[in-house]
Amino acid sequence: MNSSRRSTEDPAFMAYRSARIKQWDATARMLAEWKGWGFQYHKRLHQIYRYLVSPGQRVIEIGCGAGDLLAAVEPACGVGVDFSPEMLALARHHHPENRYVEADAHELDEIKETFDIIILSDLLNDLWDVQLVFKQLARLSTPRTRLITNNYSRLWEQPLDLAAKIGLAKPVLFQNWLTVEDISNLLDLAGFQHIRHFPEVLFPLPIPALEPFCNRFLVKLWPFNNFALTNFIIARPQPQARLTKGGKEPSVSVIIPARNEAGNIKDAFERIPVMGSQTELVFVEGHSKDSTYETIQNEIRSHPQRKSKLFRQTDVGKGDAVRLGFSQADGDILMILDADLTMPPEDLPRYYEVLFSGKGEFVNGVRLVYPMEKQAMRFLNLMGNKFFSNAFSWLLGQSVKDTLCGTKALWRSDYERIAANRSYFGDFDPFGDFDLLFGAARLNLKIIDLPIRYRDRTYGSTNIQRWKHGLLLLNMVWFAAGRIKFI
């Protein structure tokens, strides 16, 4: 008999489950008339989950209750699971567009599908065996699945107990009180990897001005974040190598925006290594004043063994050039390499290995770890990069130590999802770096910082304008704060 079956056949577990089914059935019967403080809390949860879960995905919610949260994220295929028959009756009545399964979270054998998103909202506190439930969910996952959970903070144990006793909150039975560290450990034991976590809801009462100020802004700042009512955790299945459907290694496209870089083009052809099953070079020339375009044409003719493409930019800016290159690329993996070659092309296989191994889903180069050559970056630029790296790491919830390193890599399929959701941020980024970083953060991709040695230029001069672009970066911080952090 396996350990899962032993756990669910334990008489103590059977009694535990029976008591909770009875309690949640009673809660369902009282919902039509009962009014407490919880509606503002759940309204805020809906806002957060709608940010985390893009519409049109395959979503399953374990412990769905009356189905309101599942409906709020607008799934293309929504499945709600609960062990309370009366809660499911409410869900089917109010949200018939979704499908509901009466089952215990510890026993999900009848569900044979996989999902893009798995939600466990305020459920972990009520489970008999959290690790066993996580193991059940691993079977419903693909490498791209995101498991999102939120659960009450232990600091709120006494206030919530008091609120239930005086009728302001739903009554609950004896609870687990798990820390973020506890949950991360259980996820790891069950085959999941913690991506990021963040606190939410400081003030769950519907008082105008005070509630949004506390819950959108104050709860994100120290020391108030330590007093949040709930903690969100986002996880993914443990990484594994990703082959194409045919069982082959993925192909790679290296997008090379080039403006006034004629002296670096020959080196680009000779130094960019072959990666995966095939590597193509996609050059996008942008209004050069030297012979960059003609030089690329000549080198393509001189290197017939290399799959190469050349496009001439009609708009302006590196961001536009990158988007044009991505739209014309054929590879399974997309990389960006600045044509100045200050990031050694010989290091590109490191980016490939991170993606192919599954250790990361978005690879961001970092120039600020190893010592630089003397002319590689001016001192004020270096200090500015360090400041913005700290700011964006805090805003995005994952380490991003060098926001403006020109070399980034991601899967084509993930780029297509970023592009499909671009309307959330709009066309705001002349660099191209933040469009990708913000999109990756919103999709909860695992971002990996990859340290590289930054070299001096051997031809031409930088296109970066320190003060003008510094002001643009400050605007990006403000923009990210409003669209990512303080939602």
Protein backbone atom coordinates (compact mmCIF):
# COMPACT_ATOMS: atom_id res chain seq x y z
CA MET A 1 0.00 0.00 0.00
CA ASN A 2 1.48 3.38 -0.96
CA SER A 3 1.88 6.25 1.48
CA SER A 4 -0.94 8.27 -0.11
CA ARG A 5 -3.49 5.53 0.43
CA ARG A 6 -2.25 4.95 3.99
CA SER A 7 -2.76 8.64 4.79
CA THR A 8 -6.29 8.82 3.44
CA GLU A 9 -7.39 5.58 5.11
CA ASP A 10 -6.21 6.71 8.55
CA PRO A 11 -9.28 6.83 10.88
CA ALA A 12 -8.08 10.16 12.24
CA PHE A 13 -8.04 11.61 8.72
CA MET A 14 -11.53 10.25 8.04
CA ALA A 15 -12.86 11.98 11.15
CA TYR A 16 -10.99 15.19 10.25
CA ARG A 17 -12.51 15.24 6.76
CA SER A 18 -16.02 14.40 7.96
CA ALA A 19 -15.99 17.30 10.42
CA ARG A 20 -14.84 19.73 7.74
CA ILE A 21 -17.40 18.63 5.16
CA LYS A 22 -20.11 19.15 7.77
CA GLN A 23 -18.70 22.56 8.66
CA TRP A 24 -18.43 23.79 5.04
CA ASP A 25 -21.91 22.50 4.19
CA ALA A 26 -23.24 24.56 7.10
CA THR A 27 -21.26 27.58 5.88
CA ALA A 28 -22.82 27.20 2.41
CA ARG A 29 -26.31 27.25 3.91
CA MET A 30 -25.62 30.46 5.80
CA LEU A 31 -23.99 32.35 2.90
CA ALA A 32 -27.30 33.59 1.48
CA GLU A 33 -28.06 35.57 4.65
CA TRP A 34 -24.72 35.98 6.42
CA LYS A 35 -22.80 39.24 6.03
CA GLY A 36 -19.33 39.60 7.49
CA TRP A 37 -16.13 41.47 6.84
CA GLY A 38 -14.84 38.87 4.41
CA PHE A 39 -16.33 40.34 1.23
CA GLN A 40 -13.70 43.10 1.02
CA TYR A 41 -10.91 40.59 1.59
CA HIS A 42 -12.22 38.33 -1.18
CA LYS A 43 -12.71 41.29 -3.50
CA ARG A 44 -9.04 42.10 -3.08
CA LEU A 45 -8.07 38.46 -3.68
CA HIS A 46 -10.01 38.53 -6.94
CA GLN A 47 -8.06 41.61 -8.07
CA ILE A 48 -4.73 39.96 -7.34
CA TYR A 49 -5.60 36.66 -9.02
CA ARG A 50 -6.89 38.48 -12.11
CA TYR A 51 -3.46 40.12 -12.35
CA LEU A 52 -1.61 36.82 -11.87
CA VAL A 53 -3.79 34.72 -14.20
CA SER A 54 -4.31 35.92 -17.76
CA PRO A 55 -7.80 35.19 -19.16
CA GLY A 56 -8.32 32.20 -21.44
CA GLN A 57 -6.18 29.58 -19.67
CA ARG A 58 -6.90 26.11 -18.33
CA VAL A 59 -7.44 26.67 -14.61
CA ILE A 60 -8.29 24.33 -11.74
CA GLU A 61 -9.09 25.58 -8.25
CA ILE A 62 -8.80 23.13 -5.39
CA GLY A 63 -11.19 24.07 -2.59
CA CYS A 64 -13.24 26.26 -4.90
CA GLY A 65 -16.14 26.85 -2.48
CA ALA A 66 -18.91 28.78 -4.23
CA GLY A 67 -16.77 29.22 -7.37
CA ASP A 68 -16.47 33.01 -7.28
CA LEU A 69 -12.66 33.16 -7.57
CA LEU A 70 -12.52 30.61 -10.37
CA ALA A 71 -15.08 32.62 -12.34
CA ALA A 72 -13.19 35.87 -11.66
CA VAL A 73 -10.04 34.73 -13.55
CA GLU A 74 -12.09 34.00 -16.72
CA PRO A 75 -10.64 30.62 -17.67
CA ALA A 76 -11.11 29.05 -21.10
CA CYS A 77 -11.54 25.78 -19.22
CA GLY A 78 -12.34 26.11 -15.53
CA VAL A 79 -12.57 23.17 -13.12
CA GLY A 80 -13.55 23.64 -9.48
CA VAL A 81 -12.89 20.93 -6.89
CA ASP A 82 -14.47 20.81 -3.44
CA PHE A 83 -15.59 18.14 -0.98
CA SER A 84 -18.65 20.09 0.20
CA PRO A 85 -21.77 19.12 -1.83
CA GLU A 86 -23.62 22.24 -0.74
CA MET A 87 -20.76 24.56 -1.71
CA LEU A 88 -20.65 22.93 -5.14
CA ALA A 89 -24.42 23.40 -5.49
CA LEU A 90 -23.88 27.14 -4.98
CA ALA A 91 -21.02 27.14 -7.50
CA ARG A 92 -23.07 25.36 -10.17
CA HIS A 93 -25.95 27.77 -9.61
CA HIS A 94 -23.93 30.99 -9.72
CA HIS A 95 -21.21 30.01 -12.24
CA PRO A 96 -22.55 27.28 -14.54
CA GLU A 97 -19.95 28.11 -17.21
CA ASN A 98 -17.34 26.13 -15.23
CA ARG A 99 -17.17 22.42 -14.38
CA TYR A 100 -17.18 21.12 -10.82
CA VAL A 101 -15.89 17.92 -9.26
CA GLU A 102 -16.84 16.68 -5.80
CA ALA A 103 -13.59 15.32 -4.41
CA ASP A 104 -11.19 15.66 -1.53
CA ALA A 105 -7.96 17.52 -2.30
CA HIS A 106 -6.02 14.50 -1.02
CA GLU A 107 -7.68 12.18 -3.57
CA LEU A 108 -7.74 13.59 -7.10
CA ASP A 109 -7.35 10.36 -9.06
CA GLU A 110 -10.47 10.91 -11.17
CA ILE A 111 -9.04 14.10 -12.69
CA LYS A 112 -6.94 13.05 -15.68
CA GLU A 113 -6.26 16.47 -17.26
CA THR A 114 -3.40 18.94 -16.94
CA PHE A 115 -3.77 22.65 -16.34
CA ASP A 116 -1.95 25.93 -16.96
CA ILE A 117 -2.88 27.31 -13.53
CA ILE A 118 -3.60 25.55 -10.24
CA ILE A 119 -5.13 27.72 -7.51
CA LEU A 120 -5.27 26.95 -3.79
CA SER A 121 -6.74 29.98 -2.06
CA ASP A 122 -7.01 29.86 1.74
CA LEU A 123 -6.88 26.07 1.59
CA LEU A 124 -3.53 25.02 3.04
CA ASN A 125 -4.57 26.06 6.54
CA ASP A 126 -7.41 23.53 6.37
CA LEU A 127 -5.62 20.46 4.95
CA TRP A 128 -4.72 17.24 6.76
CA ASP A 129 -1.54 16.60 4.70
CA VAL A 130 -0.25 19.52 2.62
CA GLN A 131 2.63 17.54 1.10
CA LEU A 132 0.28 14.82 -0.09
CA VAL A 133 -1.97 17.39 -1.77
CA PHE A 134 1.01 18.97 -3.53
CA LYS A 135 2.00 15.51 -4.81
CA GLN A 136 -1.52 15.06 -6.19
CA LEU A 137 -1.19 18.38 -8.01
CA ALA A 138 2.13 17.43 -9.61
CA ARG A 139 0.20 14.90 -11.69
CA LEU A 140 -2.06 17.69 -13.02
CA SER A 141 0.90 19.83 -14.10
CA THR A 142 3.02 20.39 -17.18
CA PRO A 143 6.45 22.09 -17.15
CA ARG A 144 4.68 25.40 -17.81
CA THR A 145 2.04 25.04 -15.07
CA ARG A 146 1.98 27.64 -12.33
CA LEU A 147 0.71 26.73 -8.86
CA ILE A 148 -0.57 29.80 -7.00
CA THR A 149 -1.50 29.64 -3.36
CA ASN A 150 -2.37 32.15 -0.70
CA ASN A 151 -2.89 31.39 2.96
CA TYR A 152 -3.40 33.25 6.21
CA SER A 153 -0.42 34.54 8.16
CA ARG A 154 0.04 33.16 11.65
CA LEU A 155 0.06 36.70 13.05
CA TRP A 156 -3.65 36.85 12.26
CA GLU A 157 -4.60 33.66 14.11
CA GLN A 158 -6.08 35.44 17.14
CA PRO A 159 -7.78 38.31 15.25
CA LEU A 160 -9.44 35.85 12.86
CA ASP A 161 -10.54 33.63 15.74
CA LEU A 162 -12.07 36.64 17.47
CA ALA A 163 -13.78 37.81 14.27
CA ALA A 164 -15.35 34.35 13.81
CA LYS A 165 -16.60 34.33 17.41
CA ILE A 166 -18.40 37.68 17.04
CA GLY A 167 -19.81 36.83 13.61
CA LEU A 168 -17.62 39.02 11.40
CA ALA A 169 -15.82 36.09 9.72
CA LYS A 170 -16.81 32.59 8.64
CA PRO A 171 -16.31 30.04 11.42
CA VAL A 172 -13.44 27.62 10.92
CA LEU A 173 -12.20 24.50 12.65
CA PHE A 174 -8.67 23.93 13.99
CA GLN A 175 -6.18 25.27 11.42
CA ASN A 176 -2.61 24.71 10.21
CA TRP A 177 -0.56 27.89 10.54
CA LEU A 178 2.20 27.57 7.97
CA THR A 179 4.97 30.06 7.27
CA VAL A 180 6.22 30.85 3.78
CA GLU A 181 9.30 28.78 4.58
CA ASP A 182 7.15 25.81 5.65
CA ILE A 183 5.19 25.91 2.40
CA SER A 184 8.30 26.33 0.25
CA ASN A 185 9.83 23.25 1.90
CA LEU A 186 6.67 21.18 1.32
CA LEU A 187 6.55 22.31 -2.31
CA ASP A 188 10.15 21.20 -2.78
CA LEU A 189 9.44 17.79 -1.22
CA ALA A 190 6.49 17.32 -3.58
CA GLY A 191 8.39 18.21 -6.76
CA PHE A 192 7.69 21.95 -7.11
CA GLN A 193 10.03 24.93 -7.17
CA HIS A 194 9.21 28.18 -5.37
CA ILE A 195 9.44 31.12 -7.81
CA ARG A 196 8.44 34.07 -5.65
CA HIS A 197 6.20 35.15 -2.80
CA PHE A 198 4.68 38.39 -1.60
CA PRO A 199 2.36 39.66 1.17
CA GLU A 200 -1.11 41.04 0.56
CA VAL A 201 -4.00 42.62 2.50
CA LEU A 202 -3.13 44.74 5.49
CA PHE A 203 -6.59 46.17 6.18
CA PRO A 204 -9.55 43.91 5.27
CA LEU A 205 -12.33 46.38 6.16
CA PRO A 206 -14.24 48.35 3.49
CA ILE A 207 -13.34 51.87 4.59
CA PRO A 208 -12.92 54.24 1.61
CA ALA A 209 -9.44 55.64 1.01
CA LEU A 210 -7.92 53.77 3.97
CA GLU A 211 -8.51 50.26 2.56
CA PRO A 212 -6.92 50.86 -0.88
CA PHE A 213 -4.04 52.85 0.61
CA CYS A 214 -3.21 50.04 3.04
CA ASN A 215 -3.79 47.13 0.64
CA ARG A 216 -2.26 48.53 -2.54
CA PHE A 217 0.67 50.49 -1.14
CA LEU A 218 1.43 50.19 2.57
CA VAL A 219 1.44 46.37 2.67
CA LYS A 220 4.27 46.33 0.09
CA LEU A 221 6.58 48.42 2.27
CA TRP A 222 8.72 47.52 5.28
CA PRO A 223 7.80 47.08 8.12
CA PHE A 224 4.10 46.92 7.25
CA ASN A 225 4.62 43.92 4.94
CA ASN A 226 5.32 41.82 8.04
CA PHE A 227 1.73 42.32 9.21
CA ALA A 228 -0.09 41.20 6.04
CA LEU A 229 -3.14 38.98 6.42
CA THR A 230 -2.19 36.59 3.61
CA ASN A 231 0.95 35.46 1.79
CA PHE A 232 0.96 34.49 -1.88
CA ILE A 233 3.38 31.88 -3.18
CA ILE A 234 3.93 31.06 -6.86
CA ALA A 235 5.62 27.79 -7.80
CA ARG A 236 6.29 25.61 -10.84
CA PRO A 237 7.19 21.94 -11.33
CA GLN A 238 10.85 21.16 -10.71
CA PRO A 239 12.89 21.87 -13.87
CA GLN A 240 13.57 19.24 -16.49
CA ALA A 241 15.18 19.27 -19.94
CA ARG A 242 12.88 20.46 -22.71
CA LEU A 243 13.09 18.70 -26.06
CA THR A 244 10.98 19.54 -29.08
CA LYS A 245 7.96 17.40 -29.97
CA GLY A 246 10.16 15.35 -32.28
CA GLY A 247 12.56 14.57 -29.44
CA LYS A 248 15.29 16.85 -30.81
CA GLU A 249 17.18 19.62 -29.11
CA PRO A 250 15.57 23.03 -29.74
CA SER A 251 16.73 25.36 -32.49
CA VAL A 252 18.04 28.85 -31.72
CA SER A 253 17.63 32.27 -33.29
CA VAL A 254 20.09 35.01 -32.30
CA ILE A 255 18.63 38.46 -32.96
CA ILE A 256 21.31 41.10 -33.52
CA PRO A 257 20.17 44.74 -33.64
CA ALA A 258 22.91 46.66 -35.44
CA ARG A 259 23.31 50.43 -35.82
CA ASN A 260 26.68 51.82 -36.89
CA GLU A 261 28.39 48.49 -36.19
CA ALA A 262 30.07 47.71 -39.55
CA GLY A 263 33.38 46.88 -37.87
CA ASN A 264 31.83 44.16 -35.67
CA ILE A 265 29.80 42.21 -38.22
CA LYS A 266 32.56 39.88 -39.47
CA ASP A 267 33.37 38.90 -35.85
CA ALA A 268 29.70 38.22 -35.15
CA PHE A 269 29.56 35.64 -37.96
CA GLU A 270 32.79 34.00 -36.88
CA ARG A 271 32.29 34.04 -33.10
CA ILE A 272 28.62 33.17 -32.55
CA PRO A 273 28.63 29.40 -31.86
CA VAL A 274 26.19 26.84 -33.19
CA MET A 275 23.69 25.83 -30.51
CA GLY A 276 20.95 23.23 -30.36
CA SER A 277 19.74 21.54 -33.51
CA GLN A 278 20.30 24.70 -35.59
CA THR A 279 21.34 28.31 -35.03
CA GLU A 280 20.21 31.17 -37.25
CA LEU A 281 21.45 34.76 -37.18
CA VAL A 282 18.79 37.46 -37.58
CA PHE A 283 20.27 40.91 -38.18
CA VAL A 284 18.10 44.02 -37.90
CA GLU A 285 19.91 47.12 -39.18
CA GLY A 286 18.63 50.44 -37.85
CA HIS A 287 19.40 53.64 -39.80
CA SER A 288 23.19 53.34 -39.69
CA LYS A 289 25.41 56.17 -40.88
CA ASP A 290 28.19 53.76 -41.79
CA SER A 291 28.14 50.69 -44.07
CA THR A 292 26.53 48.30 -41.56
CA TYR A 293 23.76 47.12 -43.91
CA GLU A 294 26.08 46.47 -46.84
CA THR A 295 28.62 44.77 -44.58
CA ILE A 296 25.97 42.35 -43.30
CA GLN A 297 24.93 41.58 -46.88
CA ASN A 298 28.54 40.82 -47.81
CA GLU A 299 29.11 38.59 -44.76
CA ILE A 300 25.93 36.62 -45.47
CA ARG A 301 27.28 35.88 -48.94
CA SER A 302 30.68 34.98 -47.44
CA HIS A 303 29.13 32.52 -44.93
CA PRO A 304 26.65 30.44 -46.95
CA GLN A 305 26.88 27.64 -44.34
CA ARG A 306 25.24 29.85 -41.73
CA LYS A 307 21.48 30.34 -41.77
CA SER A 308 21.20 34.15 -41.78
CA LYS A 309 18.56 36.82 -42.32
CA LEU A 310 18.78 40.59 -42.70
CA PHE A 311 16.03 43.16 -42.19
CA ARG A 312 16.09 46.93 -42.37
CA GLN A 313 14.28 48.74 -39.59
CA THR A 314 11.60 51.21 -40.65
CA ASP A 315 10.86 52.55 -37.16
CA VAL A 316 13.42 53.55 -34.52
CA GLY A 317 14.77 52.17 -31.23
CA LYS A 318 16.27 48.90 -30.12
CA GLY A 319 12.92 47.68 -28.80
CA ASP A 320 11.37 47.98 -32.25
CA ALA A 321 14.37 46.21 -33.80
CA VAL A 322 14.10 43.31 -31.35
CA ARG A 323 10.38 42.89 -32.01
CA LEU A 324 11.01 42.85 -35.76
CA GLY A 325 13.74 40.25 -35.35
CA PHE A 326 11.59 38.06 -33.09
CA SER A 327 8.71 38.19 -35.55
CA GLN A 328 10.95 36.91 -38.37
CA ALA A 329 12.91 34.31 -36.39
CA ASP A 330 12.35 30.55 -36.79
CA GLY A 331 14.06 29.22 -33.64
CA ASP A 332 12.47 27.54 -30.63
CA ILE A 333 14.74 29.67 -28.42
CA LEU A 334 15.17 33.42 -29.02
CA MET A 335 18.30 35.29 -27.94
CA ILE A 336 19.31 38.94 -28.19
CA LEU A 337 22.96 39.86 -28.77
CA ASP A 338 24.11 43.46 -29.10
CA ALA A 339 26.20 43.92 -32.23
CA ASP A 340 28.94 45.72 -30.29
CA LEU A 341 29.98 42.26 -28.96
CA THR A 342 30.79 43.64 -25.50
CA MET A 343 29.02 40.49 -24.28
CA PRO A 344 31.27 37.75 -25.69
CA PRO A 345 29.28 35.66 -28.19
CA GLU A 346 31.19 32.60 -26.96
CA ASP A 347 29.08 32.81 -23.76
CA LEU A 348 25.75 32.33 -25.55
CA PRO A 349 25.75 28.52 -24.97
CA ARG A 350 25.42 29.28 -21.25
CA TYR A 351 22.08 30.96 -21.95
CA TYR A 352 21.03 27.99 -24.05
CA GLU A 353 21.92 25.52 -21.28
CA VAL A 354 19.81 27.38 -18.70
CA LEU A 355 16.73 27.21 -20.94
CA PHE A 356 17.31 23.69 -22.25
CA SER A 357 17.88 22.28 -18.75
CA GLY A 358 14.73 23.97 -17.47
CA LYS A 359 16.63 25.75 -14.68
CA GLY A 360 15.23 29.03 -15.95
CA GLU A 361 12.62 30.26 -18.40
CA PHE A 362 13.98 33.76 -18.97
CA VAL A 363 17.74 34.36 -18.88
CA ASN A 364 19.03 37.86 -18.18
CA GLY A 365 22.70 38.67 -18.60
CA VAL A 366 24.48 40.43 -15.72
CA ARG A 367 27.51 42.64 -16.32
CA LEU A 368 27.90 43.78 -12.72
CA VAL A 369 29.37 40.68 -11.05
CA TYR A 370 32.79 40.19 -12.62
CA PRO A 371 35.31 43.07 -12.85
CA MET A 372 34.97 44.99 -16.12
CA GLU A 373 37.62 46.07 -18.55
CA LYS A 374 38.49 49.71 -17.92
CA GLN A 375 36.51 51.28 -20.74
CA ALA A 376 33.58 48.86 -20.74
CA MET A 377 31.23 51.05 -18.66
CA ARG A 378 31.61 54.58 -17.31
CA PHE A 379 31.46 54.97 -13.50
CA LEU A 380 28.18 56.91 -13.40
CA ASN A 381 26.58 54.39 -15.75
CA LEU A 382 27.74 51.59 -13.43
CA MET A 383 26.26 53.30 -10.35
CA GLY A 384 23.01 53.95 -12.20
CA ASN A 385 22.77 50.32 -13.29
CA LYS A 386 23.28 49.12 -9.71
CA PHE A 387 20.55 51.44 -8.42
CA PHE A 388 18.07 50.39 -11.08
CA SER A 389 18.91 46.72 -10.59
CA ASN A 390 17.95 46.92 -6.91
CA ALA A 391 14.81 48.87 -7.74
CA PHE A 392 13.61 46.45 -10.40
CA SER A 393 14.47 43.35 -8.35
CA TRP A 394 12.16 44.70 -5.63
CA LEU A 395 9.45 45.64 -8.10
CA LEU A 396 9.48 42.34 -10.02
CA GLY A 397 9.87 40.05 -7.00
CA GLN A 398 12.80 38.15 -8.54
CA SER A 399 16.50 38.95 -8.78
CA VAL A 400 17.25 41.11 -11.83
CA LYS A 401 20.75 42.41 -11.21
CA ASP A 402 21.27 44.15 -14.56
CA THR A 403 18.18 45.45 -16.31
CA LEU A 404 20.00 46.91 -19.30
CA CYS A 405 22.33 44.09 -20.25
CA GLY A 406 21.57 43.66 -23.93
CA THR A 407 21.70 39.85 -23.90
CA LYS A 408 18.53 38.02 -22.96
CA ALA A 409 17.10 34.62 -23.91
CA LEU A 410 13.70 32.98 -23.70
CA TRP A 411 11.54 30.34 -25.37
CA ARG A 412 9.60 31.46 -28.44
CA SER A 413 6.39 30.08 -26.91
CA ASP A 414 6.87 32.32 -23.86
CA TYR A 415 7.64 35.34 -26.03
CA GLU A 416 4.40 34.75 -27.90
CA ARG A 417 2.52 34.81 -24.58
CA ILE A 418 4.30 38.03 -23.60
CA ALA A 419 3.35 39.58 -26.94
CA ALA A 420 -0.27 38.41 -26.59
CA ASN A 421 -0.52 40.16 -23.21
CA ARG A 422 1.37 43.28 -24.27
CA SER A 423 -1.74 45.43 -24.10
CA TYR A 424 -1.53 45.34 -20.29
CA PHE A 425 1.66 47.43 -20.39
CA GLY A 426 1.29 49.06 -23.81
CA ASP A 427 4.04 50.25 -26.15
CA PHE A 428 6.15 51.96 -23.50
CA ASP A 429 9.73 50.71 -23.90
CA PRO A 430 12.25 52.12 -26.41
CA PHE A 431 14.96 49.74 -25.15
CA GLY A 432 13.09 46.43 -25.52
CA ASP A 433 14.55 45.08 -22.26
CA PHE A 434 11.66 46.09 -20.02
CA ASP A 435 8.94 44.94 -22.36
CA LEU A 436 10.41 41.45 -21.99
CA LEU A 437 11.28 41.64 -18.28
CA PHE A 438 7.88 43.01 -17.25
CA GLY A 439 6.09 40.49 -19.45
CA ALA A 440 8.13 37.61 -18.03
CA ALA A 441 7.43 38.76 -14.47
CA ARG A 442 3.69 38.99 -15.12
CA LEU A 443 3.67 35.45 -16.56
CA ASN A 444 5.59 34.29 -13.46
CA LEU A 445 8.43 32.88 -15.54
CA LYS A 446 11.48 31.75 -13.62
CA ILE A 447 14.04 34.52 -14.24
CA ILE A 448 17.73 33.58 -14.00
CA ASP A 449 20.57 36.08 -13.72
CA LEU A 450 23.60 34.88 -15.69
CA PRO A 451 26.88 36.69 -14.88
CA ILE A 452 29.08 37.46 -17.88
CA ARG A 453 32.34 39.36 -18.35
CA TYR A 454 31.68 42.68 -20.04
CA ARG A 455 34.33 43.71 -22.58
CA ASP A 456 35.52 46.96 -24.13
CA ARG A 457 34.19 47.96 -27.51
CA THR A 458 36.60 47.36 -30.37
CA TYR A 459 34.67 49.46 -32.90
CA GLY A 460 32.33 52.47 -32.75
CA SER A 461 30.79 54.18 -29.73
CA THR A 462 27.87 53.48 -27.43
CA ASN A 463 24.34 54.47 -28.44
CA ILE A 464 23.38 55.02 -24.78
CA GLN A 465 22.72 58.66 -23.78
CA ARG A 466 23.41 58.76 -20.05
CA TRP A 467 21.07 61.51 -18.83
CA LYS A 468 18.26 61.11 -21.35
CA HIS A 469 18.12 57.36 -20.88
CA GLY A 470 18.55 57.71 -17.10
CA LEU A 471 15.35 59.76 -17.00
CA LEU A 472 13.64 57.13 -19.12
CA LEU A 473 14.72 54.48 -16.61
CA LEU A 474 13.27 56.49 -13.73
CA ASN A 475 10.04 56.62 -15.69
CA MET A 476 10.22 52.82 -16.08
CA VAL A 477 10.52 52.43 -12.30
CA TRP A 478 7.42 54.56 -11.81
CA PHE A 479 5.59 52.70 -14.56
CA ALA A 480 6.50 49.27 -13.13
CA ALA A 481 5.44 50.35 -9.65
CA GLY A 482 1.94 51.15 -10.89
CA ARG A 483 1.48 48.16 -13.19
CA ILE A 484 3.32 45.41 -11.28
CA LYS A 485 3.94 46.20 -7.62
CA PHE A 486 1.07 48.40 -6.42
CA ILE A 487 -1.77 46.79 -8.34
